[in-house]
Amino acid sequence: MLQEFLGRTEHLHFPLAALILFFLVFLGVVIRVVRGAVKRKSLDHVASLPLEDDDPSDAQGGPAR
């Protein structure tokens, strides 16, 4: 019965196109998440710079003005 239905149906390309579209979107999301995780590792040091307690005047040994 299923083979007869599939043999007579002319619009089988729609489900196939939807499957391919879903797969491409899923793959795009996975790639974006992985690239974001790699980029975040490289930016962790830069993100923590404002929180560091390094005063340039302390490095020279002079009083802060």
PDB file of N, CA and C in Angstrom:
ATOM      1  N   MET A   1       0.824  -1.192   0.000  1.00  0.00           N
ATOM      2  CA  MET A   1       0.000   0.000   0.000  1.00  0.00           C
ATOM      3  C   MET A   1       0.871   1.260   0.000  1.00  0.00           C
ATOM      4  N   LEU A   2       1.923   1.284   0.794  1.00  0.00           N
ATOM      5  CA  LEU A   2       2.810   2.437   0.835  1.00  0.00           C
ATOM      6  C   LEU A   2       3.531   2.603  -0.498  1.00  0.00           C
ATOM      7  N   GLN A   3       3.922   1.480  -1.107  1.00  0.00           N
ATOM      8  CA  GLN A   3       4.611   1.565  -2.391  1.00  0.00           C
ATOM      9  C   GLN A   3       3.695   2.124  -3.478  1.00  0.00           C
ATOM     10  N   GLU A   4       2.411   1.780  -3.428  1.00  0.00           N
ATOM     11  CA  GLU A   4       1.455   2.314  -4.395  1.00  0.00           C
ATOM     12  C   GLU A   4       1.286   3.811  -4.205  1.00  0.00           C
ATOM     13  N   PHE A   5       1.213   4.232  -2.939  1.00  0.00           N
ATOM     14  CA  PHE A   5       1.064   5.666  -2.647  1.00  0.00           C
ATOM     15  C   PHE A   5       2.288   6.438  -3.145  1.00  0.00           C
ATOM     16  N   LEU A   6       3.471   5.918  -2.843  1.00  0.00           N
ATOM     17  CA  LEU A   6       4.684   6.612  -3.265  1.00  0.00           C
ATOM     18  C   LEU A   6       4.848   6.585  -4.777  1.00  0.00           C
ATOM     19  N   GLY A   7       4.372   5.553  -5.408  1.00  0.00           N
ATOM     20  CA  GLY A   7       4.461   5.466  -6.865  1.00  0.00           C
ATOM     21  C   GLY A   7       3.535   6.435  -7.563  1.00  0.00           C
ATOM     22  N   ARG A   8       2.428   6.770  -6.956  1.00  0.00           N
ATOM     23  CA  ARG A   8       1.444   7.652  -7.580  1.00  0.00           C
ATOM     24  C   ARG A   8       1.637   9.123  -7.187  1.00  0.00           C
ATOM     25  N   THR A   9       2.388   9.381  -6.168  1.00  0.00           N
ATOM     26  CA  THR A   9       2.539  10.749  -5.677  1.00  0.00           C
ATOM     27  C   THR A   9       3.552  11.504  -6.521  1.00  0.00           C
ATOM     28  N   GLU A  10       3.157  12.687  -6.960  1.00  0.00           N
ATOM     29  CA  GLU A  10       4.027  13.504  -7.794  1.00  0.00           C
ATOM     30  C   GLU A  10       4.849  14.506  -6.976  1.00  0.00           C
ATOM     31  N   HIS A  11       4.509  14.738  -5.731  1.00  0.00           N
ATOM     32  CA  HIS A  11       5.111  15.812  -4.940  1.00  0.00           C
ATOM     33  C   HIS A  11       6.048  15.279  -3.860  1.00  0.00           C
ATOM     34  N   LEU A  12       6.867  14.325  -4.215  1.00  0.00           N
ATOM     35  CA  LEU A  12       7.816  13.793  -3.240  1.00  0.00           C
ATOM     36  C   LEU A  12       9.043  14.688  -3.074  1.00  0.00           C
ATOM     37  N   HIS A  13       9.232  15.652  -3.950  1.00  0.00           N
ATOM     38  CA  HIS A  13      10.389  16.529  -3.836  1.00  0.00           C
ATOM     39  C   HIS A  13      10.231  17.545  -2.706  1.00  0.00           C
ATOM     40  N   PHE A  14       8.998  17.844  -2.268  1.00  0.00           N
ATOM     41  CA  PHE A  14       8.795  18.785  -1.165  1.00  0.00           C
ATOM     42  C   PHE A  14       9.337  18.262   0.163  1.00  0.00           C
ATOM     43  N   PRO A  15       9.025  17.031   0.555  1.00  0.00           N
ATOM     44  CA  PRO A  15       9.614  16.538   1.800  1.00  0.00           C
ATOM     45  C   PRO A  15      11.134  16.414   1.722  1.00  0.00           C
ATOM     46  N   LEU A  16      11.643  16.050   0.569  1.00  0.00           N
ATOM     47  CA  LEU A  16      13.089  15.950   0.409  1.00  0.00           C
ATOM     48  C   LEU A  16      13.748  17.332   0.519  1.00  0.00           C
ATOM     49  N   ALA A  17      13.145  18.336  -0.085  1.00  0.00           N
ATOM     50  CA  ALA A  17      13.666  19.700   0.007  1.00  0.00           C
ATOM     51  C   ALA A  17      13.598  20.199   1.447  1.00  0.00           C
ATOM     52  N   ALA A  18      12.535  19.879   2.170  1.00  0.00           N
ATOM     53  CA  ALA A  18      12.414  20.284   3.568  1.00  0.00           C
ATOM     54  C   ALA A  18      13.482  19.600   4.424  1.00  0.00           C
ATOM     55  N   LEU A  19      13.750  18.344   4.158  1.00  0.00           N
ATOM     56  CA  LEU A  19      14.783  17.629   4.899  1.00  0.00           C
ATOM     57  C   LEU A  19      16.158  18.240   4.646  1.00  0.00           C
ATOM     58  N   ILE A  20      16.458  18.561   3.407  1.00  0.00           N
ATOM     59  CA  ILE A  20      17.743  19.165   3.079  1.00  0.00           C
ATOM     60  C   ILE A  20      17.861  20.545   3.712  1.00  0.00           C
ATOM     61  N   LEU A  21      16.800  21.331   3.656  1.00  0.00           N
ATOM     62  CA  LEU A  21      16.811  22.655   4.271  1.00  0.00           C
ATOM     63  C   LEU A  21      17.023  22.562   5.776  1.00  0.00           C
ATOM     64  N   PHE A  22      16.327  21.648   6.438  1.00  0.00           N
ATOM     65  CA  PHE A  22      16.493  21.452   7.876  1.00  0.00           C
ATOM     66  C   PHE A  22      17.926  21.057   8.199  1.00  0.00           C
ATOM     67  N   PHE A  23      18.493  20.156   7.429  1.00  0.00           N
ATOM     68  CA  PHE A  23      19.859  19.703   7.673  1.00  0.00           C
ATOM     69  C   PHE A  23      20.858  20.845   7.507  1.00  0.00           C
ATOM     70  N   LEU A  24      20.678  21.675   6.488  1.00  0.00           N
ATOM     71  CA  LEU A  24      21.589  22.792   6.269  1.00  0.00           C
ATOM     72  C   LEU A  24      21.490  23.832   7.385  1.00  0.00           C
ATOM     73  N   VAL A  25      20.287  24.105   7.840  1.00  0.00           N
ATOM     74  CA  VAL A  25      20.114  25.044   8.955  1.00  0.00           C
ATOM     75  C   VAL A  25      20.735  24.471  10.222  1.00  0.00           C
ATOM     76  N   PHE A  26      20.512  23.217  10.479  1.00  0.00           N
ATOM     77  CA  PHE A  26      21.092  22.571  11.658  1.00  0.00           C
ATOM     78  C   PHE A  26      22.618  22.614  11.598  1.00  0.00           C
ATOM     79  N   LEU A  27      23.175  22.309  10.442  1.00  0.00           N
ATOM     80  CA  LEU A  27      24.621  22.338  10.275  1.00  0.00           C
ATOM     81  C   LEU A  27      25.163  23.761  10.454  1.00  0.00           C
ATOM     82  N   GLY A  28      24.456  24.754   9.965  1.00  0.00           N
ATOM     83  CA  GLY A  28      24.862  26.145  10.141  1.00  0.00           C
ATOM     84  C   GLY A  28      24.867  26.559  11.599  1.00  0.00           C
ATOM     85  N   VAL A  29      23.866  26.138  12.355  1.00  0.00           N
ATOM     86  CA  VAL A  29      23.811  26.462  13.782  1.00  0.00           C
ATOM     87  C   VAL A  29      24.957  25.792  14.532  1.00  0.00           C
ATOM     88  N   VAL A  30      25.233  24.550  14.213  1.00  0.00           N
ATOM     89  CA  VAL A  30      26.333  23.841  14.879  1.00  0.00           C
ATOM     90  C   VAL A  30      27.668  24.522  14.586  1.00  0.00           C
ATOM     91  N   ILE A  31      27.898  24.907  13.346  1.00  0.00           N
ATOM     92  CA  ILE A  31      29.145  25.581  12.986  1.00  0.00           C
ATOM     93  C   ILE A  31      29.259  26.918  13.701  1.00  0.00           C
ATOM     94  N   ARG A  32      28.166  27.652  13.785  1.00  0.00           N
ATOM     95  CA  ARG A  32      28.202  28.958  14.472  1.00  0.00           C
ATOM     96  C   ARG A  32      28.493  28.806  15.959  1.00  0.00           C
ATOM     97  N   VAL A  33      27.935  27.799  16.586  1.00  0.00           N
ATOM     98  CA  VAL A  33      28.187  27.566  18.010  1.00  0.00           C
ATOM     99  C   VAL A  33      29.642  27.170  18.243  1.00  0.00           C
ATOM    100  N   VAL A  34      30.172  26.305  17.408  1.00  0.00           N
ATOM    101  CA  VAL A  34      31.559  25.867  17.578  1.00  0.00           C
ATOM    102  C   VAL A  34      32.516  27.037  17.343  1.00  0.00           C
ATOM    103  N   ARG A  35      32.273  27.835  16.326  1.00  0.00           N
ATOM    104  CA  ARG A  35      33.141  28.993  16.069  1.00  0.00           C
ATOM    105  C   ARG A  35      33.048  30.005  17.194  1.00  0.00           C
ATOM    106  N   GLY A  36      31.871  30.166  17.779  1.00  0.00           N
ATOM    107  CA  GLY A  36      31.714  31.081  18.898  1.00  0.00           C
ATOM    108  C   GLY A  36      32.470  30.610  20.122  1.00  0.00           C
ATOM    109  N   ALA A  37      32.503  29.306  20.348  1.00  0.00           N
ATOM    110  CA  ALA A  37      33.236  28.772  21.499  1.00  0.00           C
ATOM    111  C   ALA A  37      34.733  28.978  21.317  1.00  0.00           C
ATOM    112  N   VAL A  38      35.230  28.825  20.103  1.00  0.00           N
ATOM    113  CA  VAL A  38      36.650  29.037  19.840  1.00  0.00           C
ATOM    114  C   VAL A  38      36.999  30.510  19.996  1.00  0.00           C
ATOM    115  N   LYS A  39      36.140  31.376  19.483  1.00  0.00           N
ATOM    116  CA  LYS A  39      36.395  32.809  19.575  1.00  0.00           C
ATOM    117  C   LYS A  39      36.328  33.265  21.036  1.00  0.00           C
ATOM    118  N   ARG A  40      35.430  32.703  21.813  1.00  0.00           N
ATOM    119  CA  ARG A  40      35.288  33.085  23.213  1.00  0.00           C
ATOM    120  C   ARG A  40      36.546  32.748  24.002  1.00  0.00           C
ATOM    121  N   LYS A  41      37.191  31.620  23.688  1.00  0.00           N
ATOM    122  CA  LYS A  41      38.436  31.260  24.370  1.00  0.00           C
ATOM    123  C   LYS A  41      39.506  32.314  24.120  1.00  0.00           C
ATOM    124  N   SER A  42      39.586  32.802  22.907  1.00  0.00           N
ATOM    125  CA  SER A  42      40.616  33.785  22.589  1.00  0.00           C
ATOM    126  C   SER A  42      40.293  35.153  23.173  1.00  0.00           C
ATOM    127  N   LEU A  43      39.043  35.423  23.487  1.00  0.00           N
ATOM    128  CA  LEU A  43      38.656  36.724  24.019  1.00  0.00           C
ATOM    129  C   LEU A  43      38.543  36.753  25.535  1.00  0.00           C
ATOM    130  N   ASP A  44      38.726  35.635  26.220  1.00  0.00           N
ATOM    131  CA  ASP A  44      38.607  35.614  27.675  1.00  0.00           C
ATOM    132  C   ASP A  44      39.616  36.541  28.336  1.00  0.00           C
ATOM    133  N   HIS A  45      40.836  36.548  27.855  1.00  0.00           N
ATOM    134  CA  HIS A  45      41.863  37.410  28.447  1.00  0.00           C
ATOM    135  C   HIS A  45      41.496  38.884  28.257  1.00  0.00           C
ATOM    136  N   VAL A  46      41.036  39.243  27.070  1.00  0.00           N
ATOM    137  CA  VAL A  46      40.684  40.626  26.791  1.00  0.00           C
ATOM    138  C   VAL A  46      39.465  41.044  27.613  1.00  0.00           C
ATOM    139  N   ALA A  47      38.551  40.145  27.820  1.00  0.00           N
ATOM    140  CA  ALA A  47      37.348  40.459  28.586  1.00  0.00           C
ATOM    141  C   ALA A  47      37.662  40.708  30.050  1.00  0.00           C
ATOM    142  N   SER A  48      38.698  40.086  30.573  1.00  0.00           N
ATOM    143  CA  SER A  48      39.015  40.251  31.988  1.00  0.00           C
ATOM    144  C   SER A  48      39.941  41.438  32.257  1.00  0.00           C
ATOM    145  N   LEU A  49      40.424  42.122  31.232  1.00  0.00           N
ATOM    146  CA  LEU A  49      41.334  43.252  31.424  1.00  0.00           C
ATOM    147  C   LEU A  49      40.750  44.373  32.288  1.00  0.00           C
ATOM    148  N   PRO A  50      39.502  44.793  32.120  1.00  0.00           N
ATOM    149  CA  PRO A  50      38.983  45.868  32.967  1.00  0.00           C
ATOM    150  C   PRO A  50      38.882  45.471  34.441  1.00  0.00           C
ATOM    151  N   LEU A  51      38.881  44.199  34.737  1.00  0.00           N
ATOM    152  CA  LEU A  51      38.722  43.751  36.119  1.00  0.00           C
ATOM    153  C   LEU A  51      40.050  43.590  36.843  1.00  0.00           C
ATOM    154  N   GLU A  52      41.151  43.647  36.124  1.00  0.00           N
ATOM    155  CA  GLU A  52      42.452  43.480  36.751  1.00  0.00           C
ATOM    156  C   GLU A  52      42.789  44.715  37.569  1.00  0.00           C
ATOM    157  N   ASP A  53      43.546  44.524  38.644  1.00  0.00           N
ATOM    158  CA  ASP A  53      43.866  45.597  39.558  1.00  0.00           C
ATOM    159  C   ASP A  53      45.305  46.061  39.363  1.00  0.00           C
ATOM    160  N   ASP A  54      45.677  46.291  38.124  1.00  0.00           N
ATOM    161  CA  ASP A  54      47.020  46.758  37.816  1.00  0.00           C
ATOM    162  C   ASP A  54      46.978  48.273  37.621  1.00  0.00           C
ATOM    163  N   ASP A  55      47.754  48.991  38.415  1.00  0.00           N
ATOM    164  CA  ASP A  55      47.830  50.429  38.297  1.00  0.00           C
ATOM    165  C   ASP A  55      49.172  50.763  37.654  1.00  0.00           C
ATOM    166  N   PRO A  56      49.206  51.500  36.556  1.00  0.00           N
ATOM    167  CA  PRO A  56      50.476  51.789  35.894  1.00  0.00           C
ATOM    168  C   PRO A  56      51.458  52.549  36.785  1.00  0.00           C
ATOM    169  N   SER A  57      50.963  53.362  37.710  1.00  0.00           N
ATOM    170  CA  SER A  57      51.871  54.109  38.578  1.00  0.00           C
ATOM    171  C   SER A  57      52.556  53.178  39.589  1.00  0.00           C
ATOM    172  N   ASP A  58      51.907  52.080  39.947  1.00  0.00           N
ATOM    173  CA  ASP A  58      52.512  51.101  40.868  1.00  0.00           C
ATOM    174  C   ASP A  58      53.690  50.395  40.195  1.00  0.00           C
ATOM    175  N   ALA A  59      53.612  50.200  38.896  1.00  0.00           N
ATOM    176  CA  ALA A  59      54.688  49.502  38.186  1.00  0.00           C
ATOM    177  C   ALA A  59      55.962  50.325  38.156  1.00  0.00           C
ATOM    178  N   GLN A  60      55.829  51.659  38.171  1.00  0.00           N
ATOM    179  CA  GLN A  60      56.997  52.527  38.145  1.00  0.00           C
ATOM    180  C   GLN A  60      57.536  52.823  39.535  1.00  0.00           C
ATOM    181  N   GLY A  61      56.794  52.510  40.569  1.00  0.00           N
ATOM    182  CA  GLY A  61      57.221  52.743  41.933  1.00  0.00           C
ATOM    183  C   GLY A  61      56.930  54.140  42.434  1.00  0.00           C
ATOM    184  N   GLY A  62      56.263  54.952  41.659  1.00  0.00           N
ATOM    185  CA  GLY A  62      55.948  56.320  42.071  1.00  0.00           C
ATOM    186  C   GLY A  62      54.574  56.423  42.669  1.00  0.00           C
ATOM    187  N   PRO A  63      54.257  57.527  43.308  1.00  0.00           N
ATOM    188  CA  PRO A  63      52.919  57.695  43.895  1.00  0.00           C
ATOM    189  C   PRO A  63      51.866  57.927  42.813  1.00  0.00           C
ATOM    190  N   ALA A  64      50.665  57.488  43.100  1.00  0.00           N
ATOM    191  CA  ALA A  64      49.547  57.678  42.168  1.00  0.00           C
ATOM    192  C   ALA A  64      49.062  59.109  42.274  1.00  0.00           C
ATOM    193  N   ARG A  65      48.790  59.751  41.152  1.00  0.00           N
ATOM    194  CA  ARG A  65      48.324  61.146  41.160  1.00  0.00           C
ATOM    195  C   ARG A  65      46.917  61.234  40.668  1.00  0.00           C
TER     196      ARG A  65
END
